[in-house]
Amino acid sequence: MPQQVLAPVVRRLYLTSVLPPPENVMSAREKLTTIVSAKGQIILPKAIRQELQWEAGTQLVVENTPEGVLLKAAALFAPTKSEDVFGSLAWAGRPRTLEEMEAGIATEAKRRHARHPT
């Protein structure tokens, strides 16, 4: 009767390491607090404002989430869809060919390069 050869059991050891948190993440003990004024105003801690680059006058979007209030910088421009702006520039002439468009782009690129060579 042929003998069975059993494969050896291979044990893999994994090295687990814990990395320190990134510098910009605050631990639970370092959480900053603020107070709501009688007018409903709060002061955002300077460290947070500097990290997010929120200068005076920055518009914020306020959202109520299951985890709490979320503040996000408001978009500088309203969202735009291509169909909102397509054809917004009036043109009375005949449509340009791809060759004419490419030639116009090349001409302008040469003109700008001649004006500001690198």
PDB file of N, CA and C in Angstrom:
ATOM      1  N   MET A   1       0.830  -1.153   0.000  1.00  0.00           N
ATOM      2  CA  MET A   1       0.000   0.000   0.000  1.00  0.00           C
ATOM      3  C   MET A   1       0.894   1.241   0.000  1.00  0.00           C
ATOM      4  N   PRO A   2       0.593   2.224  -0.914  1.00  0.00           N
ATOM      5  CA  PRO A   2       1.452   3.403  -1.001  1.00  0.00           C
ATOM      6  C   PRO A   2       1.277   4.282   0.244  1.00  0.00           C
ATOM      7  N   GLN A   3       2.365   4.869   0.630  1.00  0.00           N
ATOM      8  CA  GLN A   3       2.355   5.724   1.813  1.00  0.00           C
ATOM      9  C   GLN A   3       1.876   7.129   1.432  1.00  0.00           C
ATOM     10  N   GLN A   4       1.042   7.706   2.269  1.00  0.00           N
ATOM     11  CA  GLN A   4       0.582   9.066   2.019  1.00  0.00           C
ATOM     12  C   GLN A   4       1.597  10.059   2.574  1.00  0.00           C
ATOM     13  N   VAL A   5       1.854  11.051   1.782  1.00  0.00           N
ATOM     14  CA  VAL A   5       2.757  12.105   2.231  1.00  0.00           C
ATOM     15  C   VAL A   5       1.904  13.306   2.601  1.00  0.00           C
ATOM     16  N   LEU A   6       2.025  13.720   3.828  1.00  0.00           N
ATOM     17  CA  LEU A   6       1.239  14.857   4.288  1.00  0.00           C
ATOM     18  C   LEU A   6       2.063  16.134   4.166  1.00  0.00           C
ATOM     19  N   ALA A   7       1.430  17.161   3.675  1.00  0.00           N
ATOM     20  CA  ALA A   7       2.109  18.451   3.557  1.00  0.00           C
ATOM     21  C   ALA A   7       2.289  19.037   4.949  1.00  0.00           C
ATOM     22  N   PRO A   8       3.432  19.623   5.204  1.00  0.00           N
ATOM     23  CA  PRO A   8       3.637  20.212   6.521  1.00  0.00           C
ATOM     24  C   PRO A   8       2.709  21.413   6.724  1.00  0.00           C
ATOM     25  N   VAL A   9       2.313  21.596   7.949  1.00  0.00           N
ATOM     26  CA  VAL A   9       1.461  22.735   8.282  1.00  0.00           C
ATOM     27  C   VAL A   9       2.344  23.970   8.341  1.00  0.00           C
ATOM     28  N   VAL A  10       1.946  24.967   7.589  1.00  0.00           N
ATOM     29  CA  VAL A  10       2.719  26.208   7.551  1.00  0.00           C
ATOM     30  C   VAL A  10       1.999  27.238   8.411  1.00  0.00           C
ATOM     31  N   ARG A  11       2.700  27.739   9.370  1.00  0.00           N
ATOM     32  CA  ARG A  11       2.131  28.786  10.206  1.00  0.00           C
ATOM     33  C   ARG A  11       2.752  30.108   9.779  1.00  0.00           C
ATOM     34  N   ARG A  12       1.899  31.043   9.565  1.00  0.00           N
ATOM     35  CA  ARG A  12       2.386  32.356   9.158  1.00  0.00           C
ATOM     36  C   ARG A  12       2.265  33.308  10.335  1.00  0.00           C
ATOM     37  N   LEU A  13       3.319  33.971  10.593  1.00  0.00           N
ATOM     38  CA  LEU A  13       3.312  34.958  11.650  1.00  0.00           C
ATOM     39  C   LEU A  13       3.195  36.333  11.015  1.00  0.00           C
ATOM     40  N   TYR A  14       2.285  37.087  11.509  1.00  0.00           N
ATOM     41  CA  TYR A  14       2.078  38.420  10.974  1.00  0.00           C
ATOM     42  C   TYR A  14       2.550  39.437  11.998  1.00  0.00           C
ATOM     43  N   LEU A  15       3.242  40.402  11.516  1.00  0.00           N
ATOM     44  CA  LEU A  15       3.700  41.475  12.373  1.00  0.00           C
ATOM     45  C   LEU A  15       2.650  42.570  12.339  1.00  0.00           C
ATOM     46  N   THR A  16       2.130  42.872  13.467  1.00  0.00           N
ATOM     47  CA  THR A  16       1.129  43.922  13.562  1.00  0.00           C
ATOM     48  C   THR A  16       1.753  45.110  14.255  1.00  0.00           C
ATOM     49  N   SER A  17       1.588  46.264  13.656  1.00  0.00           N
ATOM     50  CA  SER A  17       2.109  47.457  14.301  1.00  0.00           C
ATOM     51  C   SER A  17       1.022  48.512  14.328  1.00  0.00           C
ATOM     52  N   VAL A  18       1.113  49.361  15.286  1.00  0.00           N
ATOM     53  CA  VAL A  18       0.153  50.449  15.415  1.00  0.00           C
ATOM     54  C   VAL A  18       0.898  51.737  15.118  1.00  0.00           C
ATOM     55  N   LEU A  19       0.417  52.430  14.119  1.00  0.00           N
ATOM     56  CA  LEU A  19       1.050  53.683  13.734  1.00  0.00           C
ATOM     57  C   LEU A  19       0.470  54.815  14.568  1.00  0.00           C
ATOM     58  N   PRO A  20       1.270  55.795  14.886  1.00  0.00           N
ATOM     59  CA  PRO A  20       0.722  56.944  15.611  1.00  0.00           C
ATOM     60  C   PRO A  20      -0.230  57.699  14.693  1.00  0.00           C
ATOM     61  N   PRO A  21      -1.217  58.376  15.261  1.00  0.00           N
ATOM     62  CA  PRO A  21      -2.154  59.120  14.408  1.00  0.00           C
ATOM     63  C   PRO A  21      -1.437  60.258  13.709  1.00  0.00           C
ATOM     64  N   PRO A  22      -1.925  60.656  12.539  1.00  0.00           N
ATOM     65  CA  PRO A  22      -1.326  61.798  11.847  1.00  0.00           C
ATOM     66  C   PRO A  22      -1.371  63.027  12.749  1.00  0.00           C
ATOM     67  N   GLU A  23      -0.484  63.962  12.492  1.00  0.00           N
ATOM     68  CA  GLU A  23      -0.389  65.141  13.349  1.00  0.00           C
ATOM     69  C   GLU A  23      -1.659  65.983  13.352  1.00  0.00           C
ATOM     70  N   ASN A  24      -2.398  65.969  12.239  1.00  0.00           N
ATOM     71  CA  ASN A  24      -3.566  66.840  12.165  1.00  0.00           C
ATOM     72  C   ASN A  24      -4.828  66.213  12.751  1.00  0.00           C
ATOM     73  N   VAL A  25      -4.738  64.995  13.306  1.00  0.00           N
ATOM     74  CA  VAL A  25      -5.888  64.344  13.914  1.00  0.00           C
ATOM     75  C   VAL A  25      -5.780  64.501  15.417  1.00  0.00           C
ATOM     76  N   MET A  26      -6.828  65.021  16.016  1.00  0.00           N
ATOM     77  CA  MET A  26      -6.803  65.239  17.456  1.00  0.00           C
ATOM     78  C   MET A  26      -7.295  63.999  18.186  1.00  0.00           C
ATOM     79  N   SER A  27      -6.671  63.682  19.286  1.00  0.00           N
ATOM     80  CA  SER A  27      -7.129  62.564  20.093  1.00  0.00           C
ATOM     81  C   SER A  27      -8.353  63.007  20.893  1.00  0.00           C
ATOM     82  N   ALA A  28      -9.013  62.067  21.542  1.00  0.00           N
ATOM     83  CA  ALA A  28     -10.218  62.379  22.304  1.00  0.00           C
ATOM     84  C   ALA A  28      -9.921  63.392  23.403  1.00  0.00           C
ATOM     85  N   ARG A  29      -8.748  63.332  24.013  1.00  0.00           N
ATOM     86  CA  ARG A  29      -8.400  64.264  25.081  1.00  0.00           C
ATOM     87  C   ARG A  29      -8.113  65.654  24.549  1.00  0.00           C
ATOM     88  N   GLU A  30      -7.696  65.759  23.294  1.00  0.00           N
ATOM     89  CA  GLU A  30      -7.320  67.044  22.719  1.00  0.00           C
ATOM     90  C   GLU A  30      -8.476  67.745  22.014  1.00  0.00           C
ATOM     91  N   LYS A  31      -9.664  67.179  22.061  1.00  0.00           N
ATOM     92  CA  LYS A  31     -10.802  67.791  21.379  1.00  0.00           C
ATOM     93  C   LYS A  31     -11.028  69.189  21.919  1.00  0.00           C
ATOM     94  N   LEU A  32     -11.240  70.121  21.007  1.00  0.00           N
ATOM     95  CA  LEU A  32     -11.458  71.499  21.390  1.00  0.00           C
ATOM     96  C   LEU A  32     -12.940  71.733  21.613  1.00  0.00           C
ATOM     97  N   THR A  33     -13.260  72.643  22.478  1.00  0.00           N
ATOM     98  CA  THR A  33     -14.667  72.952  22.749  1.00  0.00           C
ATOM     99  C   THR A  33     -14.912  74.425  22.504  1.00  0.00           C
ATOM    100  N   THR A  34     -16.166  74.766  22.347  1.00  0.00           N
ATOM    101  CA  THR A  34     -16.581  76.153  22.175  1.00  0.00           C
ATOM    102  C   THR A  34     -17.945  76.302  22.816  1.00  0.00           C
ATOM    103  N   ILE A  35     -18.431  77.511  22.918  1.00  0.00           N
ATOM    104  CA  ILE A  35     -19.708  77.793  23.576  1.00  0.00           C
ATOM    105  C   ILE A  35     -20.623  78.496  22.580  1.00  0.00           C
ATOM    106  N   VAL A  36     -21.904  78.158  22.628  1.00  0.00           N
ATOM    107  CA  VAL A  36     -22.892  78.838  21.803  1.00  0.00           C
ATOM    108  C   VAL A  36     -23.323  80.097  22.549  1.00  0.00           C
ATOM    109  N   SER A  37     -23.259  81.242  21.869  1.00  0.00           N
ATOM    110  CA  SER A  37     -23.638  82.516  22.500  1.00  0.00           C
ATOM    111  C   SER A  37     -25.152  82.652  22.537  1.00  0.00           C
ATOM    112  N   ALA A  38     -25.635  83.701  23.186  1.00  0.00           N
ATOM    113  CA  ALA A  38     -27.073  83.968  23.260  1.00  0.00           C
ATOM    114  C   ALA A  38     -27.657  84.210  21.872  1.00  0.00           C
ATOM    115  N   LYS A  39     -26.811  84.656  20.926  1.00  0.00           N
ATOM    116  CA  LYS A  39     -27.254  84.890  19.549  1.00  0.00           C
ATOM    117  C   LYS A  39     -27.121  83.639  18.684  1.00  0.00           C
ATOM    118  N   GLY A  40     -26.665  82.535  19.257  1.00  0.00           N
ATOM    119  CA  GLY A  40     -26.490  81.306  18.487  1.00  0.00           C
ATOM    120  C   GLY A  40     -25.170  81.247  17.754  1.00  0.00           C
ATOM    121  N   GLN A  41     -24.240  82.103  18.110  1.00  0.00           N
ATOM    122  CA  GLN A  41     -22.941  82.131  17.444  1.00  0.00           C
ATOM    123  C   GLN A  41     -21.946  81.254  18.190  1.00  0.00           C
ATOM    124  N   ILE A  42     -20.998  80.716  17.429  1.00  0.00           N
ATOM    125  CA  ILE A  42     -19.904  79.954  18.028  1.00  0.00           C
ATOM    126  C   ILE A  42     -18.590  80.497  17.487  1.00  0.00           C
ATOM    127  N   ILE A  43     -17.544  80.264  18.224  1.00  0.00           N
ATOM    128  CA  ILE A  43     -16.210  80.638  17.765  1.00  0.00           C
ATOM    129  C   ILE A  43     -15.485  79.346  17.443  1.00  0.00           C
ATOM    130  N   LEU A  44     -15.019  79.235  16.216  1.00  0.00           N
ATOM    131  CA  LEU A  44     -14.236  78.057  15.838  1.00  0.00           C
ATOM    132  C   LEU A  44     -12.815  78.247  16.340  1.00  0.00           C
ATOM    133  N   PRO A  45     -12.249  77.253  16.996  1.00  0.00           N
ATOM    134  CA  PRO A  45     -10.881  77.394  17.497  1.00  0.00           C
ATOM    135  C   PRO A  45      -9.897  77.729  16.373  1.00  0.00           C
ATOM    136  N   LYS A  46      -8.918  78.558  16.716  1.00  0.00           N
ATOM    137  CA  LYS A  46      -7.945  79.029  15.738  1.00  0.00           C
ATOM    138  C   LYS A  46      -7.220  77.878  15.042  1.00  0.00           C
ATOM    139  N   ALA A  47      -6.885  76.820  15.790  1.00  0.00           N
ATOM    140  CA  ALA A  47      -6.180  75.681  15.199  1.00  0.00           C
ATOM    141  C   ALA A  47      -6.991  75.055  14.072  1.00  0.00           C
ATOM    142  N   ILE A  48      -8.299  74.953  14.263  1.00  0.00           N
ATOM    143  CA  ILE A  48      -9.180  74.383  13.226  1.00  0.00           C
ATOM    144  C   ILE A  48      -9.245  75.324  12.030  1.00  0.00           C
ATOM    145  N   ARG A  49      -9.441  76.622  12.290  1.00  0.00           N
ATOM    146  CA  ARG A  49      -9.522  77.592  11.184  1.00  0.00           C
ATOM    147  C   ARG A  49      -8.250  77.609  10.367  1.00  0.00           C
ATOM    148  N   GLN A  50      -7.107  77.556  11.031  1.00  0.00           N
ATOM    149  CA  GLN A  50      -5.838  77.557  10.309  1.00  0.00           C
ATOM    150  C   GLN A  50      -5.657  76.284   9.500  1.00  0.00           C
ATOM    151  N   GLU A  51      -5.980  75.143  10.088  1.00  0.00           N
ATOM    152  CA  GLU A  51      -5.824  73.865   9.383  1.00  0.00           C
ATOM    153  C   GLU A  51      -6.676  73.815   8.127  1.00  0.00           C
ATOM    154  N   LEU A  52      -7.901  74.339   8.213  1.00  0.00           N
ATOM    155  CA  LEU A  52      -8.826  74.305   7.076  1.00  0.00           C
ATOM    156  C   LEU A  52      -8.690  75.525   6.177  1.00  0.00           C
ATOM    157  N   GLN A  53      -7.828  76.472   6.573  1.00  0.00           N
ATOM    158  CA  GLN A  53      -7.622  77.710   5.822  1.00  0.00           C
ATOM    159  C   GLN A  53      -8.926  78.480   5.647  1.00  0.00           C
ATOM    160  N   TRP A  54      -9.696  78.566   6.738  1.00  0.00           N
ATOM    161  CA  TRP A  54     -10.938  79.326   6.757  1.00  0.00           C
ATOM    162  C   TRP A  54     -10.631  80.706   7.301  1.00  0.00           C
ATOM    163  N   GLU A  55     -10.527  81.672   6.412  1.00  0.00           N
ATOM    164  CA  GLU A  55     -10.273  83.054   6.799  1.00  0.00           C
ATOM    165  C   GLU A  55     -11.598  83.711   7.180  1.00  0.00           C
ATOM    166  N   ALA A  56     -11.522  84.897   7.756  1.00  0.00           N
ATOM    167  CA  ALA A  56     -12.725  85.660   8.091  1.00  0.00           C
ATOM    168  C   ALA A  56     -13.539  85.877   6.815  1.00  0.00           C
ATOM    169  N   GLY A  57     -14.824  85.674   6.892  1.00  0.00           N
ATOM    170  CA  GLY A  57     -15.697  85.852   5.737  1.00  0.00           C
ATOM    171  C   GLY A  57     -15.949  84.586   4.942  1.00  0.00           C
ATOM    172  N   THR A  58     -15.301  83.473   5.297  1.00  0.00           N
ATOM    173  CA  THR A  58     -15.530  82.205   4.593  1.00  0.00           C
ATOM    174  C   THR A  58     -16.973  81.767   4.826  1.00  0.00           C
ATOM    175  N   GLN A  59     -17.687  81.482   3.759  1.00  0.00           N
ATOM    176  CA  GLN A  59     -19.065  80.989   3.897  1.00  0.00           C
ATOM    177  C   GLN A  59     -19.035  79.501   4.174  1.00  0.00           C
ATOM    178  N   LEU A  60     -19.847  79.073   5.141  1.00  0.00           N
ATOM    179  CA  LEU A  60     -19.909  77.676   5.523  1.00  0.00           C
ATOM    180  C   LEU A  60     -21.303  77.127   5.296  1.00  0.00           C
ATOM    181  N   VAL A  61     -21.364  75.856   4.919  1.00  0.00           N
ATOM    182  CA  VAL A  61     -22.623  75.136   4.803  1.00  0.00           C
ATOM    183  C   VAL A  61     -22.786  74.362   6.109  1.00  0.00           C
ATOM    184  N   VAL A  62     -23.960  74.462   6.727  1.00  0.00           N
ATOM    185  CA  VAL A  62     -24.227  73.790   7.992  1.00  0.00           C
ATOM    186  C   VAL A  62     -25.217  72.658   7.718  1.00  0.00           C
ATOM    187  N   GLU A  63     -24.825  71.435   8.096  1.00  0.00           N
ATOM    188  CA  GLU A  63     -25.696  70.268   7.906  1.00  0.00           C
ATOM    189  C   GLU A  63     -25.904  69.567   9.234  1.00  0.00           C
ATOM    190  N   ASN A  64     -27.127  69.150   9.496  1.00  0.00           N
ATOM    191  CA  ASN A  64     -27.435  68.366  10.679  1.00  0.00           C
ATOM    192  C   ASN A  64     -27.339  66.893  10.288  1.00  0.00           C
ATOM    193  N   THR A  65     -26.420  66.150  10.894  1.00  0.00           N
ATOM    194  CA  THR A  65     -26.219  64.740  10.579  1.00  0.00           C
ATOM    195  C   THR A  65     -26.506  63.910  11.822  1.00  0.00           C
ATOM    196  N   PRO A  66     -26.666  62.594  11.671  1.00  0.00           N
ATOM    197  CA  PRO A  66     -26.888  61.748  12.843  1.00  0.00           C
ATOM    198  C   PRO A  66     -25.734  61.812  13.848  1.00  0.00           C
ATOM    199  N   GLU A  67     -24.535  62.143  13.376  1.00  0.00           N
ATOM    200  CA  GLU A  67     -23.372  62.204  14.258  1.00  0.00           C
ATOM    201  C   GLU A  67     -23.174  63.584  14.862  1.00  0.00           C
ATOM    202  N   GLY A  68     -23.913  64.581  14.405  1.00  0.00           N
ATOM    203  CA  GLY A  68     -23.775  65.932  14.918  1.00  0.00           C
ATOM    204  C   GLY A  68     -23.844  66.948  13.801  1.00  0.00           C
ATOM    205  N   VAL A  69     -23.449  68.146  14.092  1.00  0.00           N
ATOM    206  CA  VAL A  69     -23.481  69.231  13.110  1.00  0.00           C
ATOM    207  C   VAL A  69     -22.201  69.187  12.286  1.00  0.00           C
ATOM    208  N   LEU A  70     -22.353  69.296  10.980  1.00  0.00           N
ATOM    209  CA  LEU A  70     -21.223  69.262  10.056  1.00  0.00           C
ATOM    210  C   LEU A  70     -21.081  70.631   9.416  1.00  0.00           C
ATOM    211  N   LEU A  71     -19.879  71.186   9.466  1.00  0.00           N
ATOM    212  CA  LEU A  71     -19.576  72.449   8.801  1.00  0.00           C
ATOM    213  C   LEU A  71     -18.663  72.176   7.617  1.00  0.00           C
ATOM    214  N   LYS A  72     -19.030  72.716   6.452  1.00  0.00           N
ATOM    215  CA  LYS A  72     -18.207  72.580   5.255  1.00  0.00           C
ATOM    216  C   LYS A  72     -18.117  73.936   4.580  1.00  0.00           C
ATOM    217  N   ALA A  73     -16.966  74.208   3.975  1.00  0.00           N
ATOM    218  CA  ALA A  73     -16.835  75.444   3.212  1.00  0.00           C
ATOM    219  C   ALA A  73     -17.792  75.384   2.030  1.00  0.00           C
ATOM    220  N   ALA A  74     -18.513  76.482   1.807  1.00  0.00           N
ATOM    221  CA  ALA A  74     -19.460  76.548   0.694  1.00  0.00           C
ATOM    222  C   ALA A  74     -18.685  76.607  -0.622  1.00  0.00           C
ATOM    223  N   ALA A  75     -19.275  76.053  -1.666  1.00  0.00           N
ATOM    224  CA  ALA A  75     -18.663  76.088  -2.990  1.00  0.00           C
ATOM    225  C   ALA A  75     -18.566  77.540  -3.455  1.00  0.00           C
ATOM    226  N   LEU A  76     -17.468  77.865  -4.127  1.00  0.00           N
ATOM    227  CA  LEU A  76     -17.292  79.231  -4.607  1.00  0.00           C
ATOM    228  C   LEU A  76     -18.232  79.563  -5.761  1.00  0.00           C
ATOM    229  N   PHE A  77     -18.569  78.541  -6.550  1.00  0.00           N
ATOM    230  CA  PHE A  77     -19.449  78.733  -7.691  1.00  0.00           C
ATOM    231  C   PHE A  77     -20.590  77.735  -7.619  1.00  0.00           C
ATOM    232  N   ALA A  78     -21.725  78.130  -8.125  1.00  0.00           N
ATOM    233  CA  ALA A  78     -22.865  77.217  -8.171  1.00  0.00           C
ATOM    234  C   ALA A  78     -22.556  76.059  -9.111  1.00  0.00           C
ATOM    235  N   PRO A  79     -23.021  74.850  -8.809  1.00  0.00           N
ATOM    236  CA  PRO A  79     -22.786  73.728  -9.725  1.00  0.00           C
ATOM    237  C   PRO A  79     -23.400  74.034 -11.090  1.00  0.00           C
ATOM    238  N   THR A  80     -22.684  73.686 -12.132  1.00  0.00           N
ATOM    239  CA  THR A  80     -23.132  73.972 -13.495  1.00  0.00           C
ATOM    240  C   THR A  80     -23.132  72.693 -14.307  1.00  0.00           C
ATOM    241  N   LYS A  81     -24.174  72.503 -15.085  1.00  0.00           N
ATOM    242  CA  LYS A  81     -24.249  71.372 -16.005  1.00  0.00           C
ATOM    243  C   LYS A  81     -23.948  71.878 -17.413  1.00  0.00           C
ATOM    244  N   SER A  82     -23.388  71.016 -18.242  1.00  0.00           N
ATOM    245  CA  SER A  82     -23.017  71.444 -19.592  1.00  0.00           C
ATOM    246  C   SER A  82     -24.226  71.947 -20.375  1.00  0.00           C
ATOM    247  N   GLU A  83     -25.395  71.339 -20.157  1.00  0.00           N
ATOM    248  CA  GLU A  83     -26.572  71.791 -20.909  1.00  0.00           C
ATOM    249  C   GLU A  83     -27.007  73.197 -20.486  1.00  0.00           C
ATOM    250  N   ASP A  84     -26.575  73.643 -19.299  1.00  0.00           N
ATOM    251  CA  ASP A  84     -26.909  74.997 -18.866  1.00  0.00           C
ATOM    252  C   ASP A  84     -26.122  76.055 -19.632  1.00  0.00           C
ATOM    253  N   VAL A  85     -24.936  75.720 -20.093  1.00  0.00           N
ATOM    254  CA  VAL A  85     -24.082  76.707 -20.747  1.00  0.00           C
ATOM    255  C   VAL A  85     -23.826  76.409 -22.218  1.00  0.00           C
ATOM    256  N   PHE A  86     -24.215  75.240 -22.695  1.00  0.00           N
ATOM    257  CA  PHE A  86     -23.959  74.873 -24.088  1.00  0.00           C
ATOM    258  C   PHE A  86     -24.657  75.856 -25.018  1.00  0.00           C
ATOM    259  N   GLY A  87     -23.895  76.408 -25.939  1.00  0.00           N
ATOM    260  CA  GLY A  87     -24.454  77.338 -26.917  1.00  0.00           C
ATOM    261  C   GLY A  87     -24.710  78.723 -26.362  1.00  0.00           C
ATOM    262  N   SER A  88     -24.115  79.057 -25.208  1.00  0.00           N
ATOM    263  CA  SER A  88     -24.384  80.360 -24.608  1.00  0.00           C
ATOM    264  C   SER A  88     -23.671  81.500 -25.341  1.00  0.00           C
ATOM    265  N   LEU A  89     -22.630  81.195 -26.102  1.00  0.00           N
ATOM    266  CA  LEU A  89     -21.959  82.225 -26.892  1.00  0.00           C
ATOM    267  C   LEU A  89     -22.548  82.235 -28.300  1.00  0.00           C
ATOM    268  N   ALA A  90     -23.049  83.371 -28.685  1.00  0.00           N
ATOM    269  CA  ALA A  90     -23.683  83.477 -29.999  1.00  0.00           C
ATOM    270  C   ALA A  90     -22.637  83.428 -31.105  1.00  0.00           C
ATOM    271  N   TRP A  91     -22.960  82.749 -32.198  1.00  0.00           N
ATOM    272  CA  TRP A  91     -22.097  82.673 -33.373  1.00  0.00           C
ATOM    273  C   TRP A  91     -22.982  82.680 -34.591  1.00  0.00           C
ATOM    274  N   ALA A  92     -22.743  83.641 -35.471  1.00  0.00           N
ATOM    275  CA  ALA A  92     -23.598  83.796 -36.641  1.00  0.00           C
ATOM    276  C   ALA A  92     -22.994  83.159 -37.892  1.00  0.00           C
ATOM    277  N   GLY A  93     -21.718  82.821 -37.862  1.00  0.00           N
ATOM    278  CA  GLY A  93     -21.064  82.295 -39.049  1.00  0.00           C
ATOM    279  C   GLY A  93     -21.285  80.798 -39.228  1.00  0.00           C
ATOM    280  N   ARG A  94     -20.609  80.266 -40.244  1.00  0.00           N
ATOM    281  CA  ARG A  94     -20.717  78.829 -40.496  1.00  0.00           C
ATOM    282  C   ARG A  94     -19.912  78.065 -39.451  1.00  0.00           C
ATOM    283  N   PRO A  95     -20.242  76.821 -39.188  1.00  0.00           N
ATOM    284  CA  PRO A  95     -19.473  76.039 -38.222  1.00  0.00           C
ATOM    285  C   PRO A  95     -18.035  75.844 -38.710  1.00  0.00           C
ATOM    286  N   ARG A  96     -17.088  75.880 -37.807  1.00  0.00           N
ATOM    287  CA  ARG A  96     -15.673  75.685 -38.142  1.00  0.00           C
ATOM    288  C   ARG A  96     -15.373  74.194 -38.232  1.00  0.00           C
ATOM    289  N   THR A  97     -14.430  73.852 -39.094  1.00  0.00           N
ATOM    290  CA  THR A  97     -13.995  72.459 -39.201  1.00  0.00           C
ATOM    291  C   THR A  97     -12.960  72.191 -38.107  1.00  0.00           C
ATOM    292  N   LEU A  98     -12.690  70.925 -37.854  1.00  0.00           N
ATOM    293  CA  LEU A  98     -11.671  70.573 -36.863  1.00  0.00           C
ATOM    294  C   LEU A  98     -10.310  71.133 -37.263  1.00  0.00           C
ATOM    295  N   GLU A  99     -10.001  71.095 -38.551  1.00  0.00           N
ATOM    296  CA  GLU A  99      -8.718  71.619 -39.022  1.00  0.00           C
ATOM    297  C   GLU A  99      -8.605  73.118 -38.744  1.00  0.00           C
ATOM    298  N   GLU A 100      -9.689  73.855 -38.966  1.00  0.00           N
ATOM    299  CA  GLU A 100      -9.677  75.294 -38.696  1.00  0.00           C
ATOM    300  C   GLU A 100      -9.520  75.564 -37.196  1.00  0.00           C
ATOM    301  N   MET A 101     -10.183  74.761 -36.363  1.00  0.00           N
ATOM    302  CA  MET A 101     -10.058  74.937 -34.916  1.00  0.00           C
ATOM    303  C   MET A 101      -8.632  74.641 -34.461  1.00  0.00           C
ATOM    304  N   GLU A 102      -8.046  73.565 -34.960  1.00  0.00           N
ATOM    305  CA  GLU A 102      -6.679  73.209 -34.579  1.00  0.00           C
ATOM    306  C   GLU A 102      -5.686  74.276 -35.041  1.00  0.00           C
ATOM    307  N   ALA A 103      -5.899  74.817 -36.229  1.00  0.00           N
ATOM    308  CA  ALA A 103      -5.019  75.877 -36.731  1.00  0.00           C
ATOM    309  C   ALA A 103      -5.141  77.129 -35.860  1.00  0.00           C
ATOM    310  N   GLY A 104      -6.341  77.465 -35.447  1.00  0.00           N
ATOM    311  CA  GLY A 104      -6.546  78.616 -34.579  1.00  0.00           C
ATOM    312  C   GLY A 104      -5.888  78.428 -33.216  1.00  0.00           C
ATOM    313  N   ILE A 105      -5.970  77.232 -32.671  1.00  0.00           N
ATOM    314  CA  ILE A 105      -5.324  76.940 -31.386  1.00  0.00           C
ATOM    315  C   ILE A 105      -3.811  77.046 -31.523  1.00  0.00           C
ATOM    316  N   ALA A 106      -3.260  76.503 -32.592  1.00  0.00           N
ATOM    317  CA  ALA A 106      -1.811  76.564 -32.824  1.00  0.00           C
ATOM    318  C   ALA A 106      -1.344  77.999 -32.984  1.00  0.00           C
ATOM    319  N   THR A 107      -2.098  78.797 -33.714  1.00  0.00           N
ATOM    320  CA  THR A 107      -1.741  80.207 -33.917  1.00  0.00           C
ATOM    321  C   THR A 107      -1.717  80.956 -32.584  1.00  0.00           C
ATOM    322  N   GLU A 108      -2.732  80.735 -31.766  1.00  0.00           N
ATOM    323  CA  GLU A 108      -2.783  81.416 -30.466  1.00  0.00           C
ATOM    324  C   GLU A 108      -1.669  80.939 -29.546  1.00  0.00           C
ATOM    325  N   ALA A 109      -1.370  79.644 -29.555  1.00  0.00           N
ATOM    326  CA  ALA A 109      -0.275  79.118 -28.731  1.00  0.00           C
ATOM    327  C   ALA A 109       1.059  79.745 -29.149  1.00  0.00           C
ATOM    328  N   LYS A 110       1.298  79.865 -30.447  1.00  0.00           N
ATOM    329  CA  LYS A 110       2.536  80.495 -30.934  1.00  0.00           C
ATOM    330  C   LYS A 110       2.600  81.968 -30.528  1.00  0.00           C
ATOM    331  N   ARG A 111       1.461  82.650 -30.624  1.00  0.00           N
ATOM    332  CA  ARG A 111       1.417  84.063 -30.256  1.00  0.00           C
ATOM    333  C   ARG A 111       1.729  84.236 -28.774  1.00  0.00           C
ATOM    334  N   ARG A 112       1.136  83.420 -27.914  1.00  0.00           N
ATOM    335  CA  ARG A 112       1.380  83.525 -26.471  1.00  0.00           C
ATOM    336  C   ARG A 112       2.817  83.152 -26.127  1.00  0.00           C
ATOM    337  N   HIS A 113       3.360  82.152 -26.808  1.00  0.00           N
ATOM    338  CA  HIS A 113       4.738  81.743 -26.528  1.00  0.00           C
ATOM    339  C   HIS A 113       5.711  82.843 -26.938  1.00  0.00           C
ATOM    340  N   ALA A 114       5.447  83.487 -28.079  1.00  0.00           N
ATOM    341  CA  ALA A 114       6.312  84.568 -28.547  1.00  0.00           C
ATOM    342  C   ALA A 114       6.276  85.749 -27.571  1.00  0.00           C
ATOM    343  N   ARG A 115       5.143  85.964 -26.928  1.00  0.00           N
ATOM    344  CA  ARG A 115       4.987  87.058 -25.994  1.00  0.00           C
ATOM    345  C   ARG A 115       5.652  86.753 -24.651  1.00  0.00           C
ATOM    346  N   HIS A 116       5.600  85.481 -24.222  1.00  0.00           N
ATOM    347  CA  HIS A 116       6.149  85.062 -22.935  1.00  0.00           C
ATOM    348  C   HIS A 116       7.007  83.807 -23.119  1.00  0.00           C
ATOM    349  N   PRO A 117       8.157  83.905 -23.759  1.00  0.00           N
ATOM    350  CA  PRO A 117       8.986  82.688 -23.925  1.00  0.00           C
ATOM    351  C   PRO A 117       9.509  82.216 -22.577  1.00  0.00           C
ATOM    352  N   THR A 118       9.685  80.901 -22.469  1.00  0.00           N
ATOM    353  CA  THR A 118      10.173  80.331 -21.195  1.00  0.00           C
ATOM    354  C   THR A 118      11.663  80.163 -21.215  1.00  0.00           C
TER     355      THR A 118
END
